[in-house]
Amino acid sequence: MILDSAKKQELFSKHGVAKSKTDTGSPESQIALFTYRINSLAEHLKVHRKDFSTQQGLLNLVGQRKKLLGYLQKTNIERYRSIIAELELRK
C-alpha cells in the first residue's frame, strides 16, 4: 500500500474540519486516513490470508480509529455523526 502525499492531501481536504489541505490533526481527517489504510489492508488480506504481520497492523489501526471515534463521540456528537455518515462506517 503506497499512500502518496497527493492522496493524503485529498483525504485531508475532503474530511478535515476546516476543509483545508493542511488540517492534518483533526480527528475527522485522521479517521479518514485510518479508514483508507484499513480498507487497503483488508483488500491485501483477502489475497494473502496468512500475512500475520499485516493482520496485526490492521488490528492496531482499527483500535486507533475506534479510540478517535470514541473521543469524537464524547466531545462533539454532531461531528461524530457527520464523519460516520461520510465514511459509511455504520449501517
N, C-alpha and C. Protein backbone atom coordinates (compact mmCIF):
# COMPACT_ATOMS: atom_id res chain seq x y z
N MET A 1 0.84 -1.17 0.00
CA MET A 1 0.00 0.00 0.00
C MET A 1 0.89 1.23 0.00
N ILE A 2 0.83 1.96 -1.07
CA ILE A 2 1.58 3.19 -1.18
C ILE A 2 0.58 4.34 -1.06
N LEU A 3 0.83 5.19 -0.09
CA LEU A 3 -0.04 6.33 0.14
C LEU A 3 0.78 7.58 -0.11
N ASP A 4 0.61 8.17 -1.29
CA ASP A 4 1.40 9.33 -1.62
C ASP A 4 0.80 10.60 -1.02
N SER A 5 1.55 11.67 -1.08
CA SER A 5 1.13 12.92 -0.44
C SER A 5 -0.10 13.51 -1.11
N ALA A 6 -0.27 13.29 -2.41
CA ALA A 6 -1.44 13.82 -3.10
C ALA A 6 -2.72 13.17 -2.58
N LYS A 7 -2.67 11.86 -2.35
CA LYS A 7 -3.84 11.16 -1.82
C LYS A 7 -4.13 11.60 -0.39
N LYS A 8 -3.08 11.81 0.41
CA LYS A 8 -3.27 12.29 1.77
C LYS A 8 -3.91 13.67 1.77
N GLN A 9 -3.43 14.57 0.93
CA GLN A 9 -3.99 15.91 0.86
C GLN A 9 -5.44 15.87 0.41
N GLU A 10 -5.76 14.96 -0.49
CA GLU A 10 -7.15 14.81 -0.93
C GLU A 10 -8.03 14.36 0.23
N LEU A 11 -7.56 13.39 1.01
CA LEU A 11 -8.33 12.93 2.16
C LEU A 11 -8.49 14.03 3.20
N PHE A 12 -7.43 14.77 3.46
CA PHE A 12 -7.49 15.83 4.47
C PHE A 12 -8.40 16.97 4.02
N SER A 13 -8.36 17.32 2.76
CA SER A 13 -9.22 18.42 2.29
C SER A 13 -10.68 17.98 2.23
N LYS A 14 -10.91 16.71 2.02
CA LYS A 14 -12.29 16.22 1.91
C LYS A 14 -12.94 16.04 3.28
N HIS A 15 -12.17 15.61 4.28
CA HIS A 15 -12.75 15.24 5.57
C HIS A 15 -12.29 16.10 6.73
N GLY A 16 -11.42 17.07 6.52
CA GLY A 16 -10.94 17.89 7.62
C GLY A 16 -12.00 18.85 8.12
N VAL A 17 -11.79 19.38 9.32
CA VAL A 17 -12.76 20.29 9.92
C VAL A 17 -12.85 21.58 9.11
N ALA A 18 -11.72 22.16 8.83
CA ALA A 18 -11.70 23.43 8.10
C ALA A 18 -11.72 23.21 6.59
N LYS A 19 -11.76 21.95 6.17
CA LYS A 19 -11.75 21.59 4.75
C LYS A 19 -10.54 22.17 4.03
N SER A 20 -9.40 22.12 4.71
CA SER A 20 -8.16 22.60 4.10
C SER A 20 -7.19 21.43 4.01
N LYS A 21 -6.22 21.58 3.12
CA LYS A 21 -5.25 20.52 2.92
C LYS A 21 -4.25 20.42 4.06
N THR A 22 -4.15 21.46 4.87
CA THR A 22 -3.19 21.46 5.96
C THR A 22 -3.80 21.01 7.28
N ASP A 23 -5.06 20.65 7.30
CA ASP A 23 -5.74 20.23 8.53
C ASP A 23 -5.50 18.74 8.74
N THR A 24 -4.31 18.41 9.25
CA THR A 24 -3.95 17.01 9.41
C THR A 24 -4.19 16.49 10.82
N GLY A 25 -4.44 17.37 11.76
CA GLY A 25 -4.55 16.95 13.15
C GLY A 25 -5.96 16.76 13.64
N SER A 26 -6.95 17.12 12.85
CA SER A 26 -8.33 16.97 13.32
C SER A 26 -8.70 15.49 13.38
N PRO A 27 -9.57 15.13 14.31
CA PRO A 27 -9.96 13.71 14.40
C PRO A 27 -10.62 13.21 13.12
N GLU A 28 -11.38 14.06 12.45
CA GLU A 28 -12.05 13.62 11.22
C GLU A 28 -11.05 13.25 10.14
N SER A 29 -10.01 14.05 9.97
CA SER A 29 -9.03 13.75 8.93
C SER A 29 -8.22 12.51 9.30
N GLN A 30 -7.90 12.33 10.58
CA GLN A 30 -7.18 11.13 11.00
C GLN A 30 -8.03 9.89 10.84
N ILE A 31 -9.32 9.98 11.15
CA ILE A 31 -10.22 8.84 10.99
C ILE A 31 -10.35 8.49 9.51
N ALA A 32 -10.41 9.49 8.64
CA ALA A 32 -10.49 9.24 7.20
C ALA A 32 -9.22 8.54 6.71
N LEU A 33 -8.07 8.98 7.21
CA LEU A 33 -6.80 8.36 6.81
C LEU A 33 -6.74 6.91 7.30
N PHE A 34 -7.13 6.68 8.55
CA PHE A 34 -7.15 5.31 9.08
C PHE A 34 -8.11 4.43 8.29
N THR A 35 -9.26 4.96 7.91
CA THR A 35 -10.23 4.18 7.16
C THR A 35 -9.69 3.80 5.80
N TYR A 36 -9.00 4.72 5.14
CA TYR A 36 -8.40 4.41 3.85
C TYR A 36 -7.36 3.30 3.99
N ARG A 37 -6.51 3.42 5.01
CA ARG A 37 -5.48 2.40 5.22
C ARG A 37 -6.09 1.04 5.60
N ILE A 38 -7.15 1.07 6.42
CA ILE A 38 -7.82 -0.17 6.83
C ILE A 38 -8.42 -0.87 5.62
N ASN A 39 -9.06 -0.10 4.74
CA ASN A 39 -9.66 -0.70 3.55
C ASN A 39 -8.61 -1.32 2.63
N SER A 40 -7.46 -0.65 2.48
CA SER A 40 -6.42 -1.21 1.61
C SER A 40 -5.79 -2.45 2.23
N LEU A 41 -5.60 -2.46 3.55
CA LEU A 41 -5.05 -3.65 4.20
C LEU A 41 -6.04 -4.81 4.16
N ALA A 42 -7.32 -4.52 4.25
CA ALA A 42 -8.33 -5.58 4.17
C ALA A 42 -8.32 -6.22 2.78
N GLU A 43 -8.15 -5.40 1.75
CA GLU A 43 -8.04 -5.95 0.39
C GLU A 43 -6.79 -6.81 0.25
N HIS A 44 -5.69 -6.38 0.85
CA HIS A 44 -4.46 -7.16 0.80
C HIS A 44 -4.65 -8.51 1.49
N LEU A 45 -5.34 -8.50 2.63
CA LEU A 45 -5.53 -9.74 3.38
C LEU A 45 -6.50 -10.70 2.71
N LYS A 46 -7.34 -10.21 1.82
CA LYS A 46 -8.21 -11.11 1.07
C LYS A 46 -7.39 -12.00 0.15
N VAL A 47 -6.29 -11.47 -0.36
CA VAL A 47 -5.43 -12.24 -1.25
C VAL A 47 -4.41 -13.05 -0.47
N HIS A 48 -3.79 -12.42 0.54
CA HIS A 48 -2.72 -13.05 1.31
C HIS A 48 -3.25 -13.35 2.72
N ARG A 49 -3.93 -14.44 2.87
CA ARG A 49 -4.61 -14.76 4.13
C ARG A 49 -3.65 -15.04 5.29
N LYS A 50 -2.45 -15.50 5.02
CA LYS A 50 -1.53 -15.89 6.09
C LYS A 50 -0.51 -14.81 6.42
N ASP A 51 -0.74 -13.60 5.99
CA ASP A 51 0.17 -12.49 6.28
C ASP A 51 -0.19 -11.93 7.67
N PHE A 52 0.41 -12.51 8.68
CA PHE A 52 0.01 -12.20 10.05
C PHE A 52 0.52 -10.84 10.52
N SER A 53 1.62 -10.37 10.00
CA SER A 53 2.10 -9.05 10.39
C SER A 53 1.16 -7.96 9.86
N THR A 54 0.66 -8.13 8.66
CA THR A 54 -0.32 -7.19 8.13
C THR A 54 -1.62 -7.27 8.92
N GLN A 55 -1.98 -8.46 9.34
CA GLN A 55 -3.20 -8.63 10.14
C GLN A 55 -3.06 -7.90 11.49
N GLN A 56 -1.90 -7.98 12.08
CA GLN A 56 -1.66 -7.28 13.35
C GLN A 56 -1.70 -5.77 13.15
N GLY A 57 -1.11 -5.30 12.07
CA GLY A 57 -1.17 -3.87 11.76
C GLY A 57 -2.59 -3.39 11.52
N LEU A 58 -3.39 -4.23 10.87
CA LEU A 58 -4.79 -3.90 10.64
C LEU A 58 -5.54 -3.78 11.95
N LEU A 59 -5.32 -4.69 12.86
CA LEU A 59 -5.99 -4.63 14.16
C LEU A 59 -5.56 -3.40 14.95
N ASN A 60 -4.30 -3.02 14.85
CA ASN A 60 -3.83 -1.80 15.53
C ASN A 60 -4.53 -0.56 14.97
N LEU A 61 -4.66 -0.49 13.64
CA LEU A 61 -5.33 0.65 13.02
C LEU A 61 -6.80 0.72 13.40
N VAL A 62 -7.45 -0.43 13.46
CA VAL A 62 -8.86 -0.45 13.86
C VAL A 62 -9.01 0.05 15.29
N GLY A 63 -8.08 -0.33 16.16
CA GLY A 63 -8.12 0.12 17.55
C GLY A 63 -7.90 1.62 17.67
N GLN A 64 -6.95 2.15 16.89
CA GLN A 64 -6.71 3.59 16.91
C GLN A 64 -7.91 4.37 16.40
N ARG A 65 -8.52 3.86 15.33
CA ARG A 65 -9.71 4.53 14.80
C ARG A 65 -10.86 4.48 15.79
N LYS A 66 -10.99 3.37 16.49
CA LYS A 66 -12.05 3.25 17.48
C LYS A 66 -11.86 4.24 18.63
N LYS A 67 -10.61 4.43 19.05
CA LYS A 67 -10.33 5.41 20.11
C LYS A 67 -10.67 6.82 19.66
N LEU A 68 -10.30 7.16 18.43
CA LEU A 68 -10.61 8.50 17.93
C LEU A 68 -12.11 8.71 17.78
N LEU A 69 -12.82 7.67 17.33
CA LEU A 69 -14.27 7.79 17.21
C LEU A 69 -14.92 7.96 18.58
N GLY A 70 -14.42 7.26 19.58
CA GLY A 70 -14.93 7.42 20.94
C GLY A 70 -14.69 8.81 21.48
N TYR A 71 -13.51 9.35 21.22
CA TYR A 71 -13.19 10.71 21.64
C TYR A 71 -14.13 11.71 20.97
N LEU A 72 -14.31 11.55 19.68
CA LEU A 72 -15.16 12.47 18.94
C LEU A 72 -16.62 12.36 19.38
N GLN A 73 -17.04 11.17 19.71
CA GLN A 73 -18.41 10.98 20.18
C GLN A 73 -18.64 11.66 21.52
N LYS A 74 -17.63 11.63 22.40
CA LYS A 74 -17.76 12.28 23.70
C LYS A 74 -17.70 13.80 23.61
N THR A 75 -16.87 14.31 22.70
CA THR A 75 -16.66 15.75 22.66
C THR A 75 -17.67 16.48 21.78
N ASN A 76 -17.98 15.94 20.61
CA ASN A 76 -18.87 16.64 19.69
C ASN A 76 -19.66 15.61 18.88
N ILE A 77 -20.89 15.37 19.29
CA ILE A 77 -21.70 14.31 18.69
C ILE A 77 -22.09 14.64 17.25
N GLU A 78 -22.23 15.92 16.89
CA GLU A 78 -22.59 16.26 15.52
C GLU A 78 -21.47 15.93 14.55
N ARG A 79 -20.24 16.26 14.94
CA ARG A 79 -19.09 15.92 14.09
C ARG A 79 -18.93 14.41 13.99
N TYR A 80 -19.20 13.70 15.07
CA TYR A 80 -19.13 12.24 15.06
C TYR A 80 -20.13 11.67 14.06
N ARG A 81 -21.35 12.15 14.11
CA ARG A 81 -22.39 11.64 13.20
C ARG A 81 -22.08 11.98 11.75
N SER A 82 -21.50 13.15 11.52
CA SER A 82 -21.19 13.52 10.14
C SER A 82 -20.06 12.66 9.56
N ILE A 83 -19.03 12.37 10.36
CA ILE A 83 -17.93 11.54 9.84
C ILE A 83 -18.38 10.10 9.64
N ILE A 84 -19.28 9.62 10.49
CA ILE A 84 -19.82 8.27 10.31
C ILE A 84 -20.61 8.20 9.01
N ALA A 85 -21.40 9.22 8.74
CA ALA A 85 -22.19 9.25 7.51
C ALA A 85 -21.31 9.40 6.27
N GLU A 86 -20.28 10.26 6.35
CA GLU A 86 -19.40 10.47 5.21
C GLU A 86 -18.64 9.21 4.82
N LEU A 87 -18.12 8.52 5.82
CA LEU A 87 -17.28 7.35 5.55
C LEU A 87 -18.07 6.06 5.52
N GLU A 88 -19.36 6.14 5.83
CA GLU A 88 -20.25 4.97 5.82
C GLU A 88 -19.70 3.86 6.71
N LEU A 89 -19.36 4.22 7.96
CA LEU A 89 -18.79 3.25 8.88
C LEU A 89 -19.86 2.41 9.58
N ARG A 90 -21.02 2.98 9.79
CA ARG A 90 -22.11 2.24 10.42
C ARG A 90 -23.23 2.07 9.41
N LYS A 91 -24.02 1.05 9.63
CA LYS A 91 -25.15 0.82 8.71
C LYS A 91 -26.44 1.24 9.33
